[in-house]
Amino acid sequence: MIQLFHIYKSYGHDAPALVDINLEIEKGEFVFLTGASGAGKSTLLKLIFAAEQPSRGQLLINGRNIARLRTGAVPYLRRNIGVVFQDFKLLARRTVAENVAITLQVTGTPRDQIQERVYKVLKQVGLAHRVHTLPLKLSGGEQQRVAIARALVNEPQILLADEPTGNLDSERASEIIALIEQANLRGTTVMFATHDRDLLDSGQRRVFTLNRGRIVSH
């Protein structure tokens, strides 16, 4: 599903952000990515999402090398990838439903299907009663659930979660993790960046540890 071969990423004359990254993630797998701040976790996720391009190496998704993807092909790649950010990235002047619907609108999904799928995913995350609410009227946990709904509404093959529970208390964090695990059970491949030691020590998932841009354990 996701394969990285000798991936390097540098920004100008700074120290490399990623150095000789090699990893393979199987279809339907759920893996954790961890490491200190600045270790390269977000950069690695950005490469998979084609928000950045590697300086060197091959990055394959479903056997297709996206390391040198043309700009016009990026939207097609992203139709199959959902992303959950730590800072939510919700549009403050759009309602909950409108924030979630954006993912479907950019892919040209018919309006009646958009309404049906948005309501379905908001029901799954427990926010069907908040469809007309603006993000600033929501709690932090509710905002994160909207972000997850937006990432999942298109039923992506891959879900990238960048510290999605970092700003939440333990109860809200558990809710978010449960939602992502449910998506994984439905077949979505998950790459979850986190510092949460309880999650990492559970022993149920593979853990990739980054240190100064290198994978030091997996």
N, C-alpha and C. Protein backbone atom coordinates (compact mmCIF):
# COMPACT_ATOMS: atom_id res chain seq x y z
N MET A 1 0.82 -1.21 0.00
CA MET A 1 0.00 0.00 0.00
C MET A 1 0.86 1.26 0.00
N ILE A 2 1.74 1.41 1.03
CA ILE A 2 2.66 2.55 1.10
C ILE A 2 4.08 2.01 1.19
N GLN A 3 4.93 2.43 0.27
CA GLN A 3 6.32 1.96 0.26
C GLN A 3 7.26 3.15 0.05
N LEU A 4 8.26 3.28 0.91
CA LEU A 4 9.26 4.32 0.79
C LEU A 4 10.63 3.66 0.66
N PHE A 5 11.37 4.05 -0.37
CA PHE A 5 12.69 3.49 -0.63
C PHE A 5 13.73 4.61 -0.68
N HIS A 6 14.61 4.62 0.31
CA HIS A 6 15.74 5.56 0.36
C HIS A 6 15.26 7.02 0.15
N ILE A 7 14.26 7.39 0.95
CA ILE A 7 13.70 8.75 0.86
C ILE A 7 14.54 9.73 1.67
N TYR A 8 14.89 10.83 1.01
CA TYR A 8 15.59 11.95 1.65
C TYR A 8 14.76 13.21 1.43
N LYS A 9 14.77 14.12 2.42
CA LYS A 9 14.13 15.41 2.26
C LYS A 9 14.98 16.48 2.92
N SER A 10 15.36 17.48 2.13
CA SER A 10 16.17 18.59 2.63
C SER A 10 15.50 19.91 2.29
N TYR A 11 15.74 20.90 3.14
CA TYR A 11 15.25 22.26 2.90
C TYR A 11 16.45 23.19 2.84
N GLY A 12 16.87 23.54 1.65
CA GLY A 12 18.00 24.45 1.51
C GLY A 12 19.26 23.88 2.14
N HIS A 13 19.94 24.75 2.92
CA HIS A 13 21.20 24.35 3.54
C HIS A 13 21.02 23.84 4.96
N ASP A 14 19.76 23.70 5.42
CA ASP A 14 19.52 23.18 6.76
C ASP A 14 19.85 21.70 6.82
N ALA A 15 19.95 21.18 8.03
CA ALA A 15 20.16 19.74 8.19
C ALA A 15 18.99 18.99 7.56
N PRO A 16 19.24 17.85 6.93
CA PRO A 16 18.15 17.11 6.27
C PRO A 16 17.01 16.80 7.23
N ALA A 17 15.77 16.96 6.74
CA ALA A 17 14.59 16.64 7.56
C ALA A 17 14.36 15.14 7.61
N LEU A 18 14.67 14.44 6.52
CA LEU A 18 14.54 12.98 6.47
C LEU A 18 15.78 12.40 5.80
N VAL A 19 16.26 11.28 6.32
CA VAL A 19 17.49 10.67 5.83
C VAL A 19 17.30 9.18 5.60
N ASP A 20 17.36 8.77 4.34
CA ASP A 20 17.35 7.36 3.97
C ASP A 20 16.20 6.58 4.64
N ILE A 21 14.98 7.04 4.42
CA ILE A 21 13.81 6.39 5.01
C ILE A 21 13.37 5.21 4.14
N ASN A 22 13.28 4.05 4.77
CA ASN A 22 12.79 2.84 4.10
C ASN A 22 11.71 2.21 4.97
N LEU A 23 10.51 2.09 4.44
CA LEU A 23 9.44 1.43 5.19
C LEU A 23 8.35 0.97 4.24
N GLU A 24 7.61 -0.03 4.68
CA GLU A 24 6.48 -0.55 3.93
C GLU A 24 5.30 -0.75 4.89
N ILE A 25 4.13 -0.26 4.48
CA ILE A 25 2.92 -0.41 5.27
C ILE A 25 1.90 -1.15 4.42
N GLU A 26 1.37 -2.23 4.94
CA GLU A 26 0.46 -3.08 4.19
C GLU A 26 -0.94 -2.47 4.14
N LYS A 27 -1.70 -2.87 3.16
CA LYS A 27 -3.10 -2.45 3.03
C LYS A 27 -3.88 -2.88 4.27
N GLY A 28 -4.61 -1.94 4.87
CA GLY A 28 -5.42 -2.24 6.05
C GLY A 28 -4.65 -2.23 7.36
N GLU A 29 -3.37 -1.92 7.32
CA GLU A 29 -2.55 -1.90 8.54
C GLU A 29 -2.76 -0.59 9.30
N PHE A 30 -2.50 -0.63 10.60
CA PHE A 30 -2.56 0.55 11.47
C PHE A 30 -1.19 0.65 12.13
N VAL A 31 -0.43 1.70 11.82
CA VAL A 31 0.91 1.85 12.40
C VAL A 31 1.04 3.19 13.10
N PHE A 32 1.92 3.22 14.08
CA PHE A 32 2.22 4.46 14.79
C PHE A 32 3.56 5.02 14.32
N LEU A 33 3.64 6.35 14.31
CA LEU A 33 4.87 7.06 14.00
C LEU A 33 5.17 7.97 15.18
N THR A 34 6.37 7.86 15.73
CA THR A 34 6.69 8.65 16.90
C THR A 34 8.11 9.21 16.80
N GLY A 35 8.45 10.06 17.75
CA GLY A 35 9.76 10.73 17.76
C GLY A 35 9.61 12.11 18.36
N ALA A 36 10.72 12.69 18.78
CA ALA A 36 10.69 14.02 19.39
C ALA A 36 10.24 15.07 18.38
N SER A 37 9.85 16.23 18.87
CA SER A 37 9.49 17.33 17.98
C SER A 37 10.67 17.65 17.08
N GLY A 38 10.40 17.81 15.80
CA GLY A 38 11.47 18.07 14.85
C GLY A 38 12.15 16.84 14.30
N ALA A 39 11.66 15.66 14.69
CA ALA A 39 12.30 14.41 14.24
C ALA A 39 11.98 14.10 12.79
N GLY A 40 10.92 14.71 12.25
CA GLY A 40 10.58 14.47 10.84
C GLY A 40 9.22 13.83 10.61
N LYS A 41 8.42 13.68 11.67
CA LYS A 41 7.13 12.99 11.54
C LYS A 41 6.19 13.72 10.57
N SER A 42 6.01 15.02 10.79
CA SER A 42 5.09 15.78 9.93
C SER A 42 5.60 15.83 8.50
N THR A 43 6.90 15.95 8.34
CA THR A 43 7.48 15.96 6.98
C THR A 43 7.18 14.66 6.26
N LEU A 44 7.32 13.55 6.95
CA LEU A 44 7.06 12.25 6.35
C LEU A 44 5.60 12.14 5.91
N LEU A 45 4.67 12.59 6.75
CA LEU A 45 3.26 12.54 6.39
C LEU A 45 2.97 13.46 5.21
N LYS A 46 3.62 14.61 5.16
CA LYS A 46 3.41 15.55 4.05
C LYS A 46 3.86 14.94 2.72
N LEU A 47 4.92 14.15 2.75
CA LEU A 47 5.38 13.50 1.53
C LEU A 47 4.34 12.50 1.03
N ILE A 48 3.75 11.75 1.94
CA ILE A 48 2.75 10.76 1.55
C ILE A 48 1.49 11.45 1.01
N PHE A 49 1.19 12.62 1.54
CA PHE A 49 0.01 13.39 1.12
C PHE A 49 0.32 14.26 -0.09
N ALA A 50 1.56 14.23 -0.55
CA ALA A 50 2.03 15.03 -1.69
C ALA A 50 1.93 16.53 -1.44
N ALA A 51 2.00 16.93 -0.16
CA ALA A 51 2.12 18.34 0.17
C ALA A 51 3.57 18.80 0.01
N GLU A 52 4.48 17.83 0.01
CA GLU A 52 5.90 18.07 -0.24
C GLU A 52 6.39 16.97 -1.17
N GLN A 53 7.51 17.22 -1.84
CA GLN A 53 8.13 16.20 -2.66
C GLN A 53 9.49 15.84 -2.06
N PRO A 54 9.85 14.56 -2.10
CA PRO A 54 11.16 14.17 -1.56
C PRO A 54 12.29 14.73 -2.41
N SER A 55 13.43 14.94 -1.77
CA SER A 55 14.61 15.37 -2.51
C SER A 55 15.21 14.23 -3.31
N ARG A 56 15.11 13.04 -2.74
CA ARG A 56 15.60 11.83 -3.41
C ARG A 56 14.77 10.64 -2.97
N GLY A 57 14.77 9.58 -3.78
CA GLY A 57 14.13 8.34 -3.39
C GLY A 57 12.80 8.09 -4.08
N GLN A 58 12.24 6.92 -3.81
CA GLN A 58 10.97 6.51 -4.39
C GLN A 58 9.91 6.39 -3.29
N LEU A 59 8.70 6.88 -3.59
CA LEU A 59 7.57 6.78 -2.68
C LEU A 59 6.40 6.22 -3.48
N LEU A 60 6.02 4.99 -3.16
CA LEU A 60 4.97 4.32 -3.92
C LEU A 60 3.69 4.18 -3.09
N ILE A 61 2.57 4.49 -3.72
CA ILE A 61 1.25 4.22 -3.14
C ILE A 61 0.49 3.36 -4.13
N ASN A 62 0.11 2.19 -3.68
CA ASN A 62 -0.53 1.21 -4.58
C ASN A 62 0.33 0.94 -5.82
N GLY A 63 1.64 0.92 -5.61
CA GLY A 63 2.55 0.61 -6.70
C GLY A 63 2.89 1.77 -7.61
N ARG A 64 2.30 2.93 -7.37
CA ARG A 64 2.55 4.10 -8.23
C ARG A 64 3.54 5.03 -7.54
N ASN A 65 4.60 5.40 -8.27
CA ASN A 65 5.61 6.28 -7.71
C ASN A 65 5.11 7.72 -7.72
N ILE A 66 4.85 8.27 -6.53
CA ILE A 66 4.33 9.64 -6.44
C ILE A 66 5.43 10.63 -6.08
N ALA A 67 6.68 10.17 -6.04
CA ALA A 67 7.77 11.05 -5.64
C ALA A 67 7.95 12.24 -6.59
N ARG A 68 7.55 12.06 -7.83
CA ARG A 68 7.67 13.15 -8.80
C ARG A 68 6.31 13.40 -9.47
N LEU A 69 5.30 13.38 -8.67
CA LEU A 69 3.94 13.54 -9.17
C LEU A 69 3.73 14.93 -9.76
N ARG A 70 3.12 14.98 -10.95
CA ARG A 70 2.81 16.28 -11.55
C ARG A 70 1.72 16.99 -10.74
N THR A 71 1.77 18.32 -10.70
CA THR A 71 0.84 19.10 -9.89
C THR A 71 -0.61 18.76 -10.22
N GLY A 72 -0.91 18.57 -11.49
CA GLY A 72 -2.28 18.28 -11.90
C GLY A 72 -2.79 16.94 -11.42
N ALA A 73 -1.88 16.04 -11.06
CA ALA A 73 -2.29 14.70 -10.62
C ALA A 73 -2.49 14.61 -9.11
N VAL A 74 -2.07 15.63 -8.37
CA VAL A 74 -2.16 15.59 -6.90
C VAL A 74 -3.60 15.45 -6.40
N PRO A 75 -4.57 16.22 -6.94
CA PRO A 75 -5.95 16.06 -6.45
C PRO A 75 -6.49 14.65 -6.59
N TYR A 76 -6.09 13.94 -7.64
CA TYR A 76 -6.56 12.57 -7.82
C TYR A 76 -5.98 11.65 -6.75
N LEU A 77 -4.71 11.87 -6.41
CA LEU A 77 -4.09 11.10 -5.33
C LEU A 77 -4.83 11.34 -4.02
N ARG A 78 -5.14 12.61 -3.73
CA ARG A 78 -5.72 12.98 -2.44
C ARG A 78 -7.16 12.51 -2.28
N ARG A 79 -7.79 12.10 -3.35
CA ARG A 79 -9.14 11.55 -3.22
C ARG A 79 -9.14 10.28 -2.38
N ASN A 80 -8.00 9.63 -2.34
CA ASN A 80 -7.89 8.37 -1.61
C ASN A 80 -7.15 8.50 -0.29
N ILE A 81 -6.83 9.75 0.12
CA ILE A 81 -6.08 9.97 1.35
C ILE A 81 -6.82 10.99 2.22
N GLY A 82 -7.11 10.61 3.45
CA GLY A 82 -7.68 11.54 4.42
C GLY A 82 -6.59 11.98 5.38
N VAL A 83 -6.65 13.24 5.81
CA VAL A 83 -5.63 13.78 6.71
C VAL A 83 -6.30 14.45 7.91
N VAL A 84 -5.83 14.12 9.10
CA VAL A 84 -6.30 14.75 10.33
C VAL A 84 -5.13 15.49 10.95
N PHE A 85 -5.28 16.81 11.11
CA PHE A 85 -4.22 17.64 11.66
C PHE A 85 -4.46 17.91 13.15
N GLN A 86 -3.38 18.18 13.88
CA GLN A 86 -3.50 18.48 15.30
C GLN A 86 -4.26 19.78 15.52
N ASP A 87 -4.10 20.74 14.62
CA ASP A 87 -4.75 22.05 14.80
C ASP A 87 -6.05 22.16 14.00
N PHE A 88 -6.61 21.02 13.63
CA PHE A 88 -7.96 20.91 13.05
C PHE A 88 -8.07 21.49 11.63
N LYS A 89 -7.64 22.75 11.42
CA LYS A 89 -7.73 23.42 10.11
C LYS A 89 -9.18 23.48 9.60
N LEU A 90 -10.11 23.82 10.49
CA LEU A 90 -11.50 24.01 10.09
C LEU A 90 -11.71 25.44 9.62
N LEU A 91 -12.66 25.63 8.71
CA LEU A 91 -12.99 26.97 8.21
C LEU A 91 -13.99 27.61 9.16
N ALA A 92 -13.58 28.70 9.81
CA ALA A 92 -14.38 29.29 10.89
C ALA A 92 -15.74 29.79 10.45
N ARG A 93 -15.86 30.21 9.19
CA ARG A 93 -17.12 30.78 8.72
C ARG A 93 -18.01 29.76 8.01
N ARG A 94 -17.61 28.51 8.02
CA ARG A 94 -18.41 27.44 7.45
C ARG A 94 -18.97 26.58 8.57
N THR A 95 -20.20 26.09 8.41
CA THR A 95 -20.79 25.21 9.40
C THR A 95 -20.07 23.87 9.44
N VAL A 96 -20.42 23.09 10.44
CA VAL A 96 -19.85 21.74 10.55
C VAL A 96 -20.10 20.96 9.27
N ALA A 97 -21.34 20.97 8.80
CA ALA A 97 -21.67 20.21 7.58
C ALA A 97 -20.89 20.73 6.38
N GLU A 98 -20.74 22.05 6.28
CA GLU A 98 -20.02 22.63 5.14
C GLU A 98 -18.54 22.29 5.19
N ASN A 99 -17.95 22.24 6.39
CA ASN A 99 -16.55 21.86 6.53
C ASN A 99 -16.33 20.42 6.06
N VAL A 100 -17.23 19.55 6.42
CA VAL A 100 -17.10 18.14 6.04
C VAL A 100 -17.37 17.95 4.55
N ALA A 101 -18.34 18.71 4.03
CA ALA A 101 -18.74 18.55 2.62
C ALA A 101 -17.65 18.96 1.64
N ILE A 102 -16.73 19.83 2.05
CA ILE A 102 -15.70 20.33 1.14
C ILE A 102 -14.95 19.19 0.46
N THR A 103 -14.64 18.15 1.23
CA THR A 103 -13.89 17.01 0.68
C THR A 103 -14.61 16.40 -0.51
N LEU A 104 -15.93 16.32 -0.44
CA LEU A 104 -16.72 15.73 -1.52
C LEU A 104 -16.95 16.71 -2.66
N GLN A 105 -17.07 17.98 -2.33
CA GLN A 105 -17.33 18.99 -3.37
C GLN A 105 -16.17 19.08 -4.35
N VAL A 106 -14.94 18.99 -3.84
CA VAL A 106 -13.78 19.13 -4.73
C VAL A 106 -13.61 17.93 -5.65
N THR A 107 -14.28 16.82 -5.32
CA THR A 107 -14.20 15.64 -6.19
C THR A 107 -15.41 15.54 -7.11
N GLY A 108 -16.29 16.55 -7.07
CA GLY A 108 -17.43 16.57 -7.98
C GLY A 108 -18.55 15.63 -7.61
N THR A 109 -18.65 15.25 -6.35
CA THR A 109 -19.74 14.37 -5.90
C THR A 109 -21.08 15.09 -6.03
N PRO A 110 -22.12 14.44 -6.55
CA PRO A 110 -23.45 15.06 -6.68
C PRO A 110 -23.98 15.57 -5.33
N ARG A 111 -24.72 16.67 -5.37
CA ARG A 111 -25.17 17.34 -4.15
C ARG A 111 -25.98 16.42 -3.24
N ASP A 112 -26.90 15.62 -3.81
CA ASP A 112 -27.73 14.76 -2.97
C ASP A 112 -26.88 13.71 -2.25
N GLN A 113 -25.84 13.22 -2.93
CA GLN A 113 -24.94 12.25 -2.30
C GLN A 113 -24.11 12.91 -1.20
N ILE A 114 -23.72 14.16 -1.44
CA ILE A 114 -22.94 14.89 -0.43
C ILE A 114 -23.74 14.99 0.86
N GLN A 115 -24.98 15.42 0.78
CA GLN A 115 -25.80 15.59 1.98
C GLN A 115 -25.95 14.27 2.73
N GLU A 116 -26.19 13.21 1.99
CA GLU A 116 -26.37 11.90 2.61
C GLU A 116 -25.10 11.43 3.30
N ARG A 117 -23.96 11.57 2.62
CA ARG A 117 -22.71 11.06 3.18
C ARG A 117 -22.22 11.93 4.33
N VAL A 118 -22.44 13.24 4.24
CA VAL A 118 -22.04 14.12 5.34
C VAL A 118 -22.82 13.79 6.60
N TYR A 119 -24.13 13.61 6.47
CA TYR A 119 -24.95 13.28 7.64
C TYR A 119 -24.53 11.93 8.23
N LYS A 120 -24.25 10.96 7.34
CA LYS A 120 -23.86 9.63 7.80
C LYS A 120 -22.57 9.68 8.62
N VAL A 121 -21.56 10.39 8.12
CA VAL A 121 -20.28 10.41 8.84
C VAL A 121 -20.38 11.25 10.11
N LEU A 122 -21.19 12.31 10.10
CA LEU A 122 -21.36 13.10 11.32
C LEU A 122 -22.10 12.30 12.38
N LYS A 123 -22.99 11.44 11.95
CA LYS A 123 -23.67 10.55 12.90
C LYS A 123 -22.67 9.58 13.50
N GLN A 124 -21.75 9.09 12.68
CA GLN A 124 -20.74 8.14 13.16
C GLN A 124 -19.86 8.77 14.23
N VAL A 125 -19.57 10.06 14.09
CA VAL A 125 -18.70 10.72 15.07
C VAL A 125 -19.49 11.42 16.17
N GLY A 126 -20.80 11.21 16.19
CA GLY A 126 -21.63 11.75 17.26
C GLY A 126 -21.93 13.22 17.16
N LEU A 127 -21.96 13.76 15.93
CA LEU A 127 -22.19 15.20 15.77
C LEU A 127 -23.32 15.51 14.79
N ALA A 128 -24.24 14.57 14.61
CA ALA A 128 -25.35 14.81 13.69
C ALA A 128 -26.20 15.99 14.14
N HIS A 129 -26.20 16.27 15.46
CA HIS A 129 -27.00 17.39 15.98
C HIS A 129 -26.28 18.73 15.83
N ARG A 130 -25.06 18.72 15.29
CA ARG A 130 -24.27 19.95 15.18
C ARG A 130 -24.07 20.40 13.72
N VAL A 131 -24.85 19.88 12.81
CA VAL A 131 -24.61 20.12 11.38
C VAL A 131 -24.57 21.60 11.02
N HIS A 132 -25.38 22.43 11.69
CA HIS A 132 -25.47 23.85 11.33
C HIS A 132 -24.63 24.75 12.24
N THR A 133 -23.84 24.15 13.10
CA THR A 133 -23.04 24.90 14.06
C THR A 133 -21.72 25.35 13.45
N LEU A 134 -21.26 26.55 13.82
CA LEU A 134 -19.94 27.02 13.39
C LEU A 134 -18.87 26.43 14.30
N PRO A 135 -17.67 26.18 13.78
CA PRO A 135 -16.61 25.54 14.57
C PRO A 135 -16.28 26.22 15.89
N LEU A 136 -16.32 27.55 15.93
CA LEU A 136 -15.95 28.25 17.16
C LEU A 136 -16.95 28.04 18.29
N LYS A 137 -18.11 27.49 17.96
CA LYS A 137 -19.12 27.19 18.98
C LYS A 137 -18.93 25.78 19.55
N LEU A 138 -17.95 25.06 19.05
CA LEU A 138 -17.70 23.68 19.47
C LEU A 138 -16.56 23.60 20.48
N SER A 139 -16.56 22.54 21.27
CA SER A 139 -15.43 22.26 22.14
C SER A 139 -14.25 21.75 21.30
N GLY A 140 -13.07 21.66 21.92
CA GLY A 140 -11.91 21.16 21.20
C GLY A 140 -12.11 19.73 20.71
N GLY A 141 -12.71 18.90 21.56
CA GLY A 141 -12.97 17.52 21.15
C GLY A 141 -13.95 17.43 20.01
N GLU A 142 -14.97 18.28 20.02
CA GLU A 142 -15.94 18.29 18.93
C GLU A 142 -15.29 18.77 17.63
N GLN A 143 -14.44 19.78 17.72
CA GLN A 143 -13.75 20.26 16.53
C GLN A 143 -12.87 19.16 15.93
N GLN A 144 -12.22 18.40 16.78
CA GLN A 144 -11.38 17.33 16.26
C GLN A 144 -12.22 16.23 15.61
N ARG A 145 -13.40 15.98 16.16
CA ARG A 145 -14.29 15.00 15.54
C ARG A 145 -14.79 15.47 14.18
N VAL A 146 -15.01 16.77 14.04
CA VAL A 146 -15.37 17.32 12.72
C VAL A 146 -14.22 17.09 11.74
N ALA A 147 -12.99 17.33 12.21
CA ALA A 147 -11.82 17.13 11.35
C ALA A 147 -11.71 15.67 10.92
N ILE A 148 -12.02 14.76 11.82
CA ILE A 148 -11.98 13.34 11.47
C ILE A 148 -13.09 12.99 10.49
N ALA A 149 -14.28 13.55 10.73
CA ALA A 149 -15.40 13.33 9.80
C ALA A 149 -15.03 13.81 8.40
N ARG A 150 -14.39 14.97 8.32
CA ARG A 150 -13.97 15.51 7.02
C ARG A 150 -12.96 14.58 6.35
N ALA A 151 -12.07 14.00 7.14
CA ALA A 151 -11.05 13.10 6.57
C ALA A 151 -11.64 11.77 6.12
N LEU A 152 -12.73 11.35 6.76
CA LEU A 152 -13.28 10.02 6.50
C LEU A 152 -14.47 10.03 5.54
N VAL A 153 -15.05 11.20 5.27
CA VAL A 153 -16.30 11.24 4.51
C VAL A 153 -16.14 10.65 3.11
N ASN A 154 -14.96 10.71 2.56
CA ASN A 154 -14.72 10.18 1.22
C ASN A 154 -14.29 8.71 1.24
N GLU A 155 -14.38 8.10 2.44
CA GLU A 155 -13.99 6.70 2.62
C GLU A 155 -12.61 6.44 2.01
N PRO A 156 -11.59 7.14 2.51
CA PRO A 156 -10.25 7.05 1.90
C PRO A 156 -9.59 5.69 2.12
N GLN A 157 -8.70 5.34 1.22
CA GLN A 157 -7.91 4.13 1.39
C GLN A 157 -6.88 4.30 2.50
N ILE A 158 -6.39 5.54 2.66
CA ILE A 158 -5.34 5.84 3.62
C ILE A 158 -5.77 7.00 4.51
N LEU A 159 -5.52 6.90 5.81
CA LEU A 159 -5.76 7.99 6.75
C LEU A 159 -4.45 8.34 7.43
N LEU A 160 -4.04 9.60 7.33
CA LEU A 160 -2.84 10.11 7.98
C LEU A 160 -3.28 11.00 9.14
N ALA A 161 -2.86 10.67 10.34
CA ALA A 161 -3.27 11.43 11.53
C ALA A 161 -2.04 12.00 12.21
N ASP A 162 -1.90 13.32 12.19
CA ASP A 162 -0.71 14.00 12.71
C ASP A 162 -1.01 14.55 14.11
N GLU A 163 -0.63 13.79 15.13
CA GLU A 163 -0.85 14.17 16.54
C GLU A 163 -2.32 14.58 16.77
N PRO A 164 -3.29 13.78 16.37
CA PRO A 164 -4.69 14.21 16.44
C PRO A 164 -5.23 14.32 17.86
N THR A 165 -4.53 13.75 18.84
CA THR A 165 -5.02 13.81 20.22
C THR A 165 -4.14 14.69 21.11
N GLY A 166 -3.18 15.38 20.50
CA GLY A 166 -2.19 16.13 21.28
C GLY A 166 -2.76 17.23 22.15
N ASN A 167 -3.89 17.83 21.75
CA ASN A 167 -4.47 18.94 22.50
C ASN A 167 -5.69 18.55 23.31
N LEU A 168 -5.93 17.24 23.46
CA LEU A 168 -7.16 16.78 24.09
C LEU A 168 -6.89 16.08 25.42
N ASP A 169 -7.89 16.09 26.31
CA ASP A 169 -7.75 15.35 27.56
C ASP A 169 -7.90 13.85 27.26
N SER A 170 -7.62 13.02 28.24
CA SER A 170 -7.56 11.58 28.00
C SER A 170 -8.89 11.00 27.53
N GLU A 171 -10.00 11.51 28.06
CA GLU A 171 -11.31 10.99 27.65
C GLU A 171 -11.60 11.31 26.20
N ARG A 172 -11.35 12.57 25.81
CA ARG A 172 -11.59 12.97 24.41
C ARG A 172 -10.61 12.26 23.48
N ALA A 173 -9.38 12.09 23.94
CA ALA A 173 -8.38 11.39 23.11
C ALA A 173 -8.83 9.96 22.84
N SER A 174 -9.38 9.30 23.84
CA SER A 174 -9.85 7.93 23.67
C SER A 174 -10.97 7.86 22.63
N GLU A 175 -11.84 8.88 22.63
CA GLU A 175 -12.93 8.92 21.65
C GLU A 175 -12.37 9.03 20.23
N ILE A 176 -11.35 9.88 20.06
CA ILE A 176 -10.76 10.08 18.74
C ILE A 176 -10.08 8.81 18.26
N ILE A 177 -9.35 8.16 19.15
CA ILE A 177 -8.66 6.92 18.79
C ILE A 177 -9.67 5.85 18.38
N ALA A 178 -10.78 5.78 19.12
CA ALA A 178 -11.81 4.79 18.80
C ALA A 178 -12.39 5.02 17.40
N LEU A 179 -12.60 6.29 17.04
CA LEU A 179 -13.13 6.61 15.71
C LEU A 179 -12.15 6.18 14.60
N ILE A 180 -10.86 6.42 14.85
CA ILE A 180 -9.86 6.05 13.85
C ILE A 180 -9.74 4.53 13.76
N GLU A 181 -9.84 3.85 14.90
CA GLU A 181 -9.79 2.39 14.88
C GLU A 181 -10.98 1.80 14.12
N GLN A 182 -12.15 2.43 14.26
CA GLN A 182 -13.33 1.98 13.52
C GLN A 182 -13.11 2.10 12.02
N ALA A 183 -12.49 3.20 11.60
CA ALA A 183 -12.18 3.37 10.18
C ALA A 183 -11.21 2.29 9.71
N ASN A 184 -10.24 1.98 10.55
CA ASN A 184 -9.28 0.94 10.22
C ASN A 184 -9.97 -0.42 10.07
N LEU A 185 -10.92 -0.70 10.93
CA LEU A 185 -11.67 -1.96 10.84
C LEU A 185 -12.47 -2.05 9.55
N ARG A 186 -12.84 -0.90 9.00
CA ARG A 186 -13.58 -0.88 7.73
C ARG A 186 -12.63 -1.00 6.53
N GLY A 187 -11.31 -1.09 6.80
CA GLY A 187 -10.35 -1.32 5.73
C GLY A 187 -9.40 -0.20 5.42
N THR A 188 -9.53 0.94 6.12
CA THR A 188 -8.65 2.08 5.87
C THR A 188 -7.27 1.84 6.48
N THR A 189 -6.23 2.06 5.71
CA THR A 189 -4.85 1.98 6.20
C THR A 189 -4.54 3.24 6.99
N VAL A 190 -4.03 3.11 8.21
CA VAL A 190 -3.84 4.25 9.11
C VAL A 190 -2.37 4.42 9.48
N MET A 191 -1.91 5.66 9.38
CA MET A 191 -0.58 6.05 9.87
C MET A 191 -0.81 7.17 10.89
N PHE A 192 -0.50 6.90 12.14
CA PHE A 192 -0.90 7.73 13.27
C PHE A 192 0.34 8.24 13.99
N ALA A 193 0.63 9.54 13.88
CA ALA A 193 1.77 10.14 14.58
C ALA A 193 1.35 10.53 15.99
N THR A 194 2.12 10.12 16.99
CA THR A 194 1.74 10.40 18.37
C THR A 194 2.95 10.34 19.30
N HIS A 195 2.79 11.01 20.48
CA HIS A 195 3.76 10.89 21.56
C HIS A 195 3.18 10.08 22.72
N ASP A 196 1.96 9.62 22.60
CA ASP A 196 1.25 8.97 23.70
C ASP A 196 1.89 7.62 24.01
N ARG A 197 2.55 7.54 25.17
CA ARG A 197 3.28 6.31 25.50
C ARG A 197 2.34 5.14 25.74
N ASP A 198 1.15 5.40 26.27
CA ASP A 198 0.21 4.30 26.51
C ASP A 198 -0.17 3.63 25.19
N LEU A 199 -0.39 4.44 24.15
CA LEU A 199 -0.71 3.88 22.84
C LEU A 199 0.48 3.11 22.28
N LEU A 200 1.64 3.73 22.37
CA LEU A 200 2.83 3.12 21.77
C LEU A 200 3.24 1.83 22.48
N ASP A 201 2.96 1.76 23.79
CA ASP A 201 3.38 0.59 24.57
C ASP A 201 2.33 -0.51 24.60
N SER A 202 1.22 -0.29 23.90
CA SER A 202 0.14 -1.29 23.94
C SER A 202 0.56 -2.60 23.27
N GLY A 203 1.53 -2.52 22.36
CA GLY A 203 2.02 -3.72 21.71
C GLY A 203 1.13 -4.25 20.62
N GLN A 204 0.06 -3.54 20.30
CA GLN A 204 -0.90 -4.03 19.31
C GLN A 204 -0.56 -3.58 17.89
N ARG A 205 0.28 -2.56 17.75
CA ARG A 205 0.58 -2.01 16.43
C ARG A 205 2.08 -1.89 16.23
N ARG A 206 2.49 -1.87 14.97
CA ARG A 206 3.89 -1.57 14.68
C ARG A 206 4.16 -0.10 14.97
N VAL A 207 5.35 0.19 15.48
CA VAL A 207 5.74 1.56 15.81
C VAL A 207 7.02 1.91 15.06
N PHE A 208 6.98 3.00 14.29
CA PHE A 208 8.17 3.53 13.62
C PHE A 208 8.64 4.75 14.41
N THR A 209 9.89 4.72 14.87
CA THR A 209 10.44 5.82 15.65
C THR A 209 11.44 6.60 14.81
N LEU A 210 11.24 7.92 14.74
CA LEU A 210 12.14 8.80 14.01
C LEU A 210 13.03 9.56 14.99
N ASN A 211 14.29 9.70 14.62
CA ASN A 211 15.24 10.50 15.39
C ASN A 211 16.14 11.26 14.44
N ARG A 212 15.99 12.58 14.45
CA ARG A 212 16.77 13.43 13.55
C ARG A 212 16.65 13.00 12.09
N GLY A 213 15.43 12.68 11.72
CA GLY A 213 15.16 12.36 10.32
C GLY A 213 15.41 10.93 9.91
N ARG A 214 15.86 10.09 10.83
CA ARG A 214 16.13 8.70 10.51
C ARG A 214 15.19 7.78 11.29
N ILE A 215 14.80 6.68 10.69
CA ILE A 215 14.06 5.66 11.41
C ILE A 215 15.05 4.84 12.23
N VAL A 216 14.86 4.86 13.56
CA VAL A 216 15.81 4.19 14.42
C VAL A 216 15.23 2.89 15.01
N SER A 217 13.91 2.70 14.87
CA SER A 217 13.31 1.43 15.31
C SER A 217 11.97 1.25 14.64
N HIS A 218 11.59 -0.03 14.46
CA HIS A 218 10.27 -0.35 13.90
C HIS A 218 9.96 -1.82 14.15
